[in-house]
Amino acid sequence: MTRRTTRLLLIKTGDSFPDVVADHGDFEALFQARLPDHTLSVWDARGTIPPPDHEAYDGVLITGSHAMVSDAEPWSEALKPWLREACERNLPLLGVCYGHQLLAEALGGRSGYHPAGREVGTFEIALTEAGRGDPLFGTLPARFPAHLTHAQSVLTPPAGAVVLARNPHDPYQALRLGPRQWSVQFHPEFTAPVLRAYLEHQREGLAEAGQNVDALCEGIDDTPMASGLLSRFATSVSDAIG
């Protein structure tokens, strides 16, 4: 019997900087590059095309964005009921950065500007005890580097959410929001050159905030463990459909 193709949807919530798009591709290209064995269907939540039926896909990924969840843009607010229904249907989800924050808000949590300011760079993430036992995160080492760039964070997780990973800046670096629903503040789709470009775009603001941008640039490294999360999610979806 032939195994059917896994139907993965990528919900696009923003665009990268024009130079990043020119040199490395937009967000959807970054995700696709981490998933060479899968083909992603892309739906731009900011456009006029209505959201697809939940039944049309086996799993969903949600990109980051330069938008801010707390701005409550109409397209972003309109996506929340779709995400809630996806969770009610137990559709596998993985939200990244903006997707992480939006999922939390959709399920009753709160996201907004982090009181300590922006976090940009390659930083160590630590699994919690729950993370070490999680079916998606449990194969990761107890500590691993990840790429981060965000001004907003999940400030209050939804009721029932399980904290899977944290670091000194953000206690909610990864959440399990349901049996097969996860979200992460870090960027598993980013490469070191992409993060370096993001740092350069934010150099002036980071310096004004007292951060050592040259040291942050020197600290950028590859993040194979964090990046592998995308393929592990896709494989888990494939395995579930048989």
Protein backbone atom coordinates (compact mmCIF):
# COMPACT_ATOMS: atom_id res chain seq x y z
CA MET A 1 0.00 0.00 0.00
CA THR A 2 1.38 3.41 -1.01
CA ARG A 3 1.79 5.88 1.82
CA ARG A 4 0.03 9.14 1.00
CA THR A 5 1.85 12.46 0.97
CA THR A 6 1.72 14.39 4.22
CA ARG A 7 -0.30 17.57 3.72
CA LEU A 8 1.49 20.40 5.55
CA LEU A 9 0.20 23.97 5.65
CA LEU A 10 2.45 26.94 6.39
CA ILE A 11 0.50 29.96 7.61
CA LYS A 12 2.47 33.04 6.57
CA THR A 13 2.08 35.99 8.94
CA GLY A 14 4.72 38.34 7.58
CA ASP A 15 7.65 39.00 5.26
CA SER A 16 11.35 39.24 5.99
CA PHE A 17 13.52 42.24 5.16
CA PRO A 18 13.96 42.79 1.39
CA ASP A 19 17.71 42.06 1.51
CA VAL A 20 17.11 38.84 3.46
CA VAL A 21 14.50 37.80 0.91
CA ALA A 22 16.91 38.57 -1.95
CA ASP A 23 19.81 36.67 -0.38
CA HIS A 24 18.07 33.81 1.43
CA GLY A 25 14.37 33.77 0.51
CA ASP A 26 11.30 34.82 2.46
CA PHE A 27 9.99 33.02 5.55
CA GLU A 28 8.30 30.27 3.55
CA ALA A 29 11.57 29.52 1.73
CA LEU A 30 13.43 29.25 5.04
CA PHE A 31 10.89 26.76 6.37
CA GLN A 32 10.88 24.77 3.14
CA ALA A 33 14.69 24.54 3.17
CA ARG A 34 14.51 22.83 6.58
CA LEU A 35 11.93 20.36 5.25
CA PRO A 36 13.44 19.01 2.01
CA ASP A 37 11.39 15.81 2.21
CA HIS A 38 8.07 17.63 2.48
CA THR A 39 6.20 20.11 0.31
CA LEU A 40 4.57 23.02 2.12
CA SER A 41 1.37 24.66 0.99
CA VAL A 42 1.49 28.35 1.89
CA TRP A 43 -1.48 30.45 2.94
CA ASP A 44 -0.88 34.15 3.62
CA ALA A 45 -3.14 35.11 6.52
CA ARG A 46 -2.86 38.81 5.59
CA GLY A 47 -4.42 38.40 2.16
CA THR A 48 -7.96 38.18 0.85
CA ILE A 49 -8.05 34.41 0.31
CA PRO A 50 -10.12 32.81 3.11
CA PRO A 51 -8.46 30.25 5.38
CA PRO A 52 -8.43 26.65 4.16
CA ASP A 53 -10.59 23.94 5.66
CA HIS A 54 -8.98 22.24 8.62
CA GLU A 55 -9.68 18.85 7.07
CA ALA A 56 -7.48 19.70 4.08
CA TYR A 57 -4.24 19.39 6.07
CA ASP A 58 -2.50 16.94 8.38
CA GLY A 59 -0.35 19.52 10.15
CA VAL A 60 0.17 23.28 10.33
CA LEU A 61 3.18 25.53 10.90
CA ILE A 62 2.90 29.27 11.62
CA THR A 63 5.67 31.70 10.71
CA GLY A 64 7.08 34.67 12.51
CA SER A 65 6.31 38.26 11.52
CA HIS A 66 7.55 41.81 11.88
CA ALA A 67 4.04 42.64 13.11
CA MET A 68 3.25 42.77 16.82
CA VAL A 69 0.54 40.56 18.29
CA SER A 70 -0.48 43.30 20.74
CA ASP A 71 -1.36 45.59 17.80
CA ALA A 72 -4.33 43.26 17.15
CA GLU A 73 -4.33 43.80 13.40
CA PRO A 74 -7.63 42.63 11.81
CA TRP A 75 -6.06 39.76 9.87
CA SER A 76 -4.31 38.54 13.03
CA GLU A 77 -7.46 38.70 15.16
CA ALA A 78 -9.38 36.89 12.42
CA LEU A 79 -6.87 34.02 12.57
CA LYS A 80 -7.48 33.32 16.26
CA PRO A 81 -10.83 31.46 15.86
CA TRP A 82 -9.30 29.29 13.12
CA LEU A 83 -6.44 28.38 15.45
CA ARG A 84 -8.79 27.63 18.33
CA GLU A 85 -10.80 25.30 16.11
CA ALA A 86 -7.60 23.63 14.91
CA CYS A 87 -6.73 22.87 18.54
CA GLU A 88 -10.25 21.60 19.23
CA ARG A 89 -9.87 19.25 16.26
CA ASN A 90 -6.44 18.16 17.58
CA LEU A 91 -4.78 19.22 14.33
CA PRO A 92 -0.98 19.15 14.85
CA LEU A 93 0.39 22.70 15.11
CA LEU A 94 3.79 24.30 15.51
CA GLY A 95 3.86 28.07 15.96
CA VAL A 96 7.12 30.01 15.66
CA CYS A 97 7.80 33.44 17.23
CA TYR A 98 4.72 35.45 16.16
CA GLY A 99 2.94 32.11 15.74
CA HIS A 100 3.96 31.21 19.30
CA GLN A 101 2.59 34.45 20.70
CA LEU A 102 -0.59 34.39 18.61
CA LEU A 103 -1.42 30.81 19.57
CA ALA A 104 -1.04 31.71 23.23
CA GLU A 105 -3.43 34.64 22.86
CA ALA A 106 -5.91 32.62 20.80
CA LEU A 107 -6.13 30.09 23.63
CA GLY A 108 -6.58 32.63 26.42
CA GLY A 109 -3.01 33.66 27.29
CA ARG A 110 -1.40 37.07 26.92
CA SER A 111 1.45 38.27 24.71
CA GLY A 112 3.14 41.65 24.56
CA TYR A 113 6.40 43.57 24.80
CA HIS A 114 8.97 41.90 27.01
CA PRO A 115 9.82 44.14 29.97
CA ALA A 116 13.55 43.45 29.52
CA GLY A 117 13.50 44.52 25.88
CA ARG A 118 14.50 42.80 22.67
CA GLU A 119 16.34 39.46 22.55
CA VAL A 120 18.47 38.98 19.43
CA GLY A 121 21.24 36.45 18.94
CA THR A 122 22.15 32.80 19.36
CA PHE A 123 21.36 31.82 22.94
CA GLU A 124 21.15 28.65 24.97
CA ILE A 125 17.73 27.17 25.61
CA ALA A 126 17.14 24.76 28.51
CA LEU A 127 14.51 22.05 28.54
CA THR A 128 12.27 21.74 31.56
CA GLU A 129 11.51 18.36 33.09
CA ALA A 130 8.31 18.32 31.03
CA GLY A 131 10.32 19.16 27.92
CA ARG A 132 12.66 16.22 28.50
CA GLY A 133 9.63 13.93 28.51
CA ASP A 134 7.83 15.56 25.60
CA PRO A 135 7.33 13.46 22.43
CA LEU A 136 8.60 16.28 20.20
CA PHE A 137 11.26 17.90 22.41
CA GLY A 138 12.42 14.85 24.34
CA THR A 139 15.10 13.90 21.81
CA LEU A 140 16.83 17.28 22.21
CA PRO A 141 19.76 17.67 24.62
CA ALA A 142 18.95 19.29 27.96
CA ARG A 143 20.57 22.51 26.69
CA PHE A 144 20.92 23.60 23.06
CA PRO A 145 21.58 26.83 21.12
CA ALA A 146 18.81 28.54 19.16
CA HIS A 147 18.41 31.68 17.04
CA LEU A 148 16.22 34.42 18.50
CA THR A 149 14.97 37.82 17.42
CA HIS A 150 11.88 39.23 19.15
CA ALA A 151 10.61 42.24 21.06
CA GLN A 152 7.39 40.60 22.22
CA SER A 153 6.94 37.35 24.15
CA VAL A 154 4.28 35.20 25.72
CA LEU A 155 3.74 36.96 29.04
CA THR A 156 1.05 34.65 30.43
CA PRO A 157 0.60 31.16 28.94
CA PRO A 158 -2.91 29.82 28.36
CA ALA A 159 -4.47 27.71 31.10
CA GLY A 160 -3.25 24.14 30.79
CA ALA A 161 -0.18 25.00 28.72
CA VAL A 162 2.96 23.05 29.62
CA VAL A 163 6.30 24.89 29.64
CA LEU A 164 8.85 22.81 27.72
CA ALA A 165 11.86 25.15 27.51
CA ARG A 166 13.13 28.43 28.92
CA ASN A 167 16.16 30.66 29.14
CA PRO A 168 17.15 33.57 31.41
CA HIS A 169 15.38 36.13 29.20
CA ASP A 170 12.15 34.26 28.56
CA PRO A 171 10.54 31.63 30.81
CA TYR A 172 8.26 30.47 27.98
CA GLN A 173 10.62 29.63 25.12
CA ALA A 174 8.53 26.58 24.21
CA LEU A 175 5.02 25.48 25.13
CA ARG A 176 2.86 22.43 24.60
CA LEU A 177 -0.66 23.75 24.12
CA GLY A 178 -2.42 20.45 23.57
CA PRO A 179 -1.70 16.79 22.78
CA ARG A 180 -0.18 17.66 19.38
CA GLN A 181 0.08 21.46 19.51
CA TRP A 182 3.40 23.17 20.22
CA SER A 183 4.93 26.62 19.90
CA VAL A 184 8.42 28.11 20.22
CA GLN A 185 9.73 31.64 20.67
CA PHE A 186 13.01 30.84 18.88
CA HIS A 187 13.49 30.46 15.12
CA PRO A 188 14.29 26.88 14.03
CA GLU A 189 14.01 27.99 10.40
CA PHE A 190 16.78 30.61 10.63
CA THR A 191 20.35 30.02 9.52
CA ALA A 192 23.35 31.83 10.99
CA PRO A 193 23.62 34.19 7.97
CA VAL A 194 19.92 35.10 8.26
CA LEU A 195 20.28 35.92 11.96
CA ARG A 196 23.41 37.94 11.24
CA ALA A 197 21.42 40.02 8.74
CA TYR A 198 18.71 40.58 11.34
CA LEU A 199 21.29 41.76 13.86
CA GLU A 200 22.66 44.26 11.38
CA HIS A 201 19.17 45.64 10.76
CA GLN A 202 18.71 46.13 14.49
CA ARG A 203 22.25 47.25 15.31
CA GLU A 204 21.41 50.90 16.10
CA GLY A 205 18.43 50.12 18.32
CA LEU A 206 20.28 47.38 20.18
CA ALA A 207 23.26 49.65 20.77
CA GLU A 208 20.98 52.39 22.10
CA ALA A 209 19.51 49.82 24.50
CA GLY A 210 23.01 49.10 25.83
CA GLN A 211 23.61 45.79 24.07
CA ASN A 212 27.03 44.85 22.67
CA VAL A 213 26.12 44.17 19.06
CA ASP A 214 29.62 43.07 18.02
CA ALA A 215 29.61 40.45 20.80
CA LEU A 216 26.14 39.29 19.72
CA CYS A 217 27.39 38.92 16.14
CA GLU A 218 30.43 36.96 17.29
CA GLY A 219 28.16 34.67 19.28
CA ILE A 220 26.10 33.62 16.27
CA ASP A 221 26.54 29.90 15.62
CA ASP A 222 24.81 27.03 13.85
CA THR A 223 21.81 25.56 15.66
CA PRO A 224 21.27 22.04 14.30
CA MET A 225 19.34 20.79 17.34
CA ALA A 226 16.83 23.65 17.25
CA SER A 227 16.55 23.53 13.46
CA GLY A 228 15.85 19.80 13.54
CA LEU A 229 12.64 20.51 15.43
CA LEU A 230 10.88 21.29 12.14
CA SER A 231 11.69 17.93 10.58
CA ARG A 232 10.79 16.11 13.79
CA PHE A 233 7.40 17.83 13.78
CA ALA A 234 6.81 16.92 10.13
CA THR A 235 7.88 13.32 10.76
CA SER A 236 5.54 13.07 13.72
CA VAL A 237 2.67 14.22 11.52
CA SER A 238 3.61 11.70 8.81
CA ASP A 239 3.87 8.87 11.31
CA ALA A 240 0.44 9.69 12.73
CA ILE A 241 -1.31 9.40 9.37
CA GLY A 242 0.45 6.09 8.56
